[in-house]
């Protein structure tokens, strides 16, 4: 053949998805999704990384904005916050619907998968497509660790530990009520 098709596809992938430059086999968005159900503490990141090395490499060293909330349902305000963050071409966004917590107990656990699915649909729309992924880290860490410093430690570990990448938190106005 005149064109090496696999090489051509990889080159197009790099042009269309800047997050795949470091790791051509998996994007940051796919890597965020790949964490679902795996992580139960910061120490579990190593086991996940050995099972999913492409995903681990895609997250390592990233400039990541972690945006958790009820997303019950995801609203135009959530989309606007995420889109505003995505104006920075160096940033990836992790949306993380949260499980039930004090003050927001009603139906949160029962609707968790539906809220994840709705967030998955949200991130398929421009300007979020290819820039924002949906995880379930707070749920996966559990009631105790998901609301503790372990959440931060786990995210830091995913970025490569202290000094690896940059982690920023995005919060909605209701957090300050």
Protein backbone atom coordinates (compact mmCIF):
# COMPACT_ATOMS: atom_id res chain seq x y z
CA UNK A 1 0.00 0.00 0.00
CA UNK A 2 0.99 3.59 -0.58
CA UNK A 3 0.07 4.64 3.00
CA UNK A 4 0.95 2.89 6.23
CA UNK A 5 -2.64 2.95 7.55
CA UNK A 6 -1.87 2.29 11.26
CA UNK A 7 0.76 5.05 11.25
CA UNK A 8 -1.64 7.43 9.49
CA UNK A 9 -4.40 6.71 12.04
CA UNK A 10 -2.00 7.34 14.93
CA UNK A 11 -0.85 10.63 13.37
CA UNK A 12 -4.47 11.77 12.97
CA UNK A 13 -5.19 10.74 16.53
CA UNK A 14 -2.37 12.97 17.78
CA UNK A 15 -3.63 15.89 15.71
CA UNK A 16 -7.19 15.51 16.99
CA UNK A 17 -6.42 14.65 20.62
CA UNK A 18 -3.51 16.53 22.17
CA UNK A 19 -3.68 14.37 25.30
CA UNK A 20 -2.68 11.31 23.28
CA UNK A 21 0.72 12.71 22.32
CA UNK A 22 2.49 11.14 25.31
CA UNK A 23 0.59 7.88 25.09
CA UNK A 24 -0.84 7.03 21.73
CA UNK A 25 -2.83 4.07 22.99
CA UNK A 26 -5.07 5.83 25.54
CA UNK A 27 -6.31 9.37 26.13
CA UNK A 28 -6.71 11.04 29.52
CA UNK A 29 -10.48 10.85 29.07
CA UNK A 30 -10.30 7.08 28.55
CA UNK A 31 -7.89 6.75 31.48
CA UNK A 32 -10.28 8.54 33.84
CA UNK A 33 -13.04 6.15 32.77
CA UNK A 34 -10.67 3.20 33.26
CA UNK A 35 -10.31 4.01 36.96
CA UNK A 36 -13.99 3.23 37.63
CA UNK A 37 -14.37 0.45 40.17
CA UNK A 38 -10.62 -0.04 40.65
CA UNK A 39 -9.38 2.44 43.22
CA UNK A 40 -10.07 1.93 46.92
CA UNK A 41 -7.15 3.91 48.37
CA UNK A 42 -3.99 5.69 47.25
CA UNK A 43 -2.11 2.42 47.67
CA UNK A 44 -4.44 0.71 45.16
CA UNK A 45 -3.15 2.98 42.37
CA UNK A 46 -0.03 0.80 41.94
CA UNK A 47 -2.10 -2.36 41.35
CA UNK A 48 -4.36 -0.48 38.92
CA UNK A 49 -1.32 0.91 37.08
CA UNK A 50 0.19 -2.56 36.69
CA UNK A 51 -3.10 -3.83 35.21
CA UNK A 52 -3.66 -0.73 33.06
CA UNK A 53 -0.23 0.72 32.23
CA UNK A 54 -1.49 2.75 29.24
CA UNK A 55 -4.13 4.42 31.41
CA UNK A 56 -1.61 5.12 34.16
CA UNK A 57 0.79 6.68 31.67
CA UNK A 58 -1.98 8.84 30.18
CA UNK A 59 -2.74 10.35 33.62
CA UNK A 60 0.84 10.67 34.88
CA UNK A 61 2.06 14.27 34.83
CA UNK A 62 -1.26 15.76 33.70
CA UNK A 63 -2.65 19.16 34.61
CA UNK A 64 -5.95 17.86 36.00
CA UNK A 65 -8.97 19.70 37.35
CA UNK A 66 -11.10 17.49 39.61
CA UNK A 67 -14.75 18.54 39.57
CA UNK A 68 -17.02 16.54 41.82
CA UNK A 69 -20.63 17.20 42.65
CA UNK A 70 -24.05 15.62 42.81
CA UNK A 71 -24.69 16.15 39.07
CA UNK A 72 -28.29 15.26 39.88
CA UNK A 73 -28.82 15.93 37.05
CA UNK A 74 -25.86 17.55 35.28
CA UNK A 75 -27.03 21.08 34.52
CA UNK A 76 -26.11 23.93 32.20
CA UNK A 77 -24.18 25.40 35.14
CA UNK A 78 -22.06 22.22 35.43
CA UNK A 79 -21.47 22.28 31.67
CA UNK A 80 -20.51 25.96 31.81
CA UNK A 81 -18.02 25.41 34.64
CA UNK A 82 -16.39 22.49 32.82
CA UNK A 83 -16.35 24.35 29.48
CA UNK A 84 -14.75 27.38 31.12
CA UNK A 85 -12.04 25.15 32.58
CA UNK A 86 -11.50 23.55 29.15
CA UNK A 87 -10.65 26.95 27.67
CA UNK A 88 -7.15 26.23 28.96
CA UNK A 89 -5.70 23.82 26.36
CA UNK A 90 -3.27 22.38 28.91
CA UNK A 91 -6.00 21.09 31.24
CA UNK A 92 -8.05 17.90 31.46
CA UNK A 93 -11.22 17.77 33.58
CA UNK A 94 -12.34 14.85 35.75
CA UNK A 95 -16.09 14.94 36.52
CA UNK A 96 -16.93 12.74 39.49
CA UNK A 97 -20.57 12.31 40.52
CA UNK A 98 -20.65 11.85 44.27
CA UNK A 99 -22.48 9.20 46.25
CA UNK A 100 -24.83 10.05 49.10
CA UNK A 101 -23.41 12.28 51.81
CA UNK A 102 -24.83 14.10 54.81
CA UNK A 103 -27.29 16.66 53.53
CA UNK A 104 -27.70 14.90 50.18
CA UNK A 105 -28.74 11.38 51.11
CA UNK A 106 -31.96 11.01 49.18
CA UNK A 107 -31.65 8.86 46.05
CA UNK A 108 -27.96 9.64 45.49
CA UNK A 109 -26.81 6.01 45.69
CA UNK A 110 -29.83 4.71 43.78
CA UNK A 111 -29.25 7.17 40.93
CA UNK A 112 -25.45 6.95 40.83
CA UNK A 113 -25.15 5.00 37.57
CA UNK A 114 -27.73 7.20 35.85
CA UNK A 115 -25.79 10.31 36.92
CA UNK A 116 -22.53 8.81 35.63
CA UNK A 117 -24.27 8.00 32.33
CA UNK A 118 -25.64 11.56 32.07
CA UNK A 119 -22.16 12.98 32.73
CA UNK A 120 -20.79 10.65 30.04
CA UNK A 121 -23.28 12.20 27.62
CA UNK A 122 -22.36 15.72 28.75
CA UNK A 123 -18.63 15.22 28.05
CA UNK A 124 -19.37 14.04 24.51
CA UNK A 125 -20.43 17.58 23.58
CA UNK A 126 -18.01 20.27 22.43
CA UNK A 127 -16.01 21.84 24.00
CA UNK A 128 -15.75 18.99 26.54
CA UNK A 129 -15.29 16.15 24.02
CA UNK A 130 -11.78 14.78 24.36
CA UNK A 131 -11.01 17.14 27.25
CA UNK A 132 -13.22 15.88 30.11
CA UNK A 133 -13.74 12.39 31.48
CA UNK A 134 -16.07 10.88 34.04
CA UNK A 135 -14.89 8.80 36.97
CA UNK A 136 -16.42 7.36 40.13
CA UNK A 137 -13.56 7.87 42.56
CA UNK A 138 -15.57 9.15 45.53
CA UNK A 139 -17.91 6.16 45.28
CA UNK A 140 -15.02 3.73 44.76
CA UNK A 141 -13.13 5.02 47.79
CA UNK A 142 -16.22 4.54 49.95
CA UNK A 143 -18.06 6.61 52.51
CA UNK A 144 -15.08 7.19 54.83
CA UNK A 145 -12.14 7.58 52.44
CA UNK A 146 -14.14 9.35 49.72
CA UNK A 147 -14.59 12.35 51.99
CA UNK A 148 -11.12 12.32 53.52
CA UNK A 149 -7.61 13.38 52.56
CA UNK A 150 -7.29 9.93 50.93
CA UNK A 151 -9.24 11.30 47.95
CA UNK A 152 -6.51 13.91 47.43
CA UNK A 153 -3.73 11.35 47.97
CA UNK A 154 -5.28 8.99 45.42
CA UNK A 155 -5.56 11.72 42.78
CA UNK A 156 -1.96 12.82 43.47
CA UNK A 157 -0.80 9.22 43.12
CA UNK A 158 -2.60 8.95 39.76
CA UNK A 159 -0.71 12.03 38.56
CA UNK A 160 2.62 10.49 39.54
CA UNK A 161 2.93 11.38 43.21
CA UNK A 162 4.28 14.61 44.70
CA UNK A 163 5.74 16.79 41.97
CA UNK A 164 3.94 14.85 39.22
CA UNK A 165 1.40 16.87 37.31
CA UNK A 166 -0.84 19.54 38.74
CA UNK A 167 -4.09 18.97 40.61
CA UNK A 168 -6.78 21.63 40.94
CA UNK A 169 -10.21 21.33 42.54
CA UNK A 170 -13.30 22.88 40.95
CA UNK A 171 -16.32 23.39 43.17
CA UNK A 172 -19.84 24.65 42.65
CA UNK A 173 -21.32 27.55 44.59
CA UNK A 174 -23.46 25.17 46.66
CA UNK A 175 -20.32 23.91 48.40
CA UNK A 176 -20.13 27.19 50.30
CA UNK A 177 -23.74 27.17 51.52
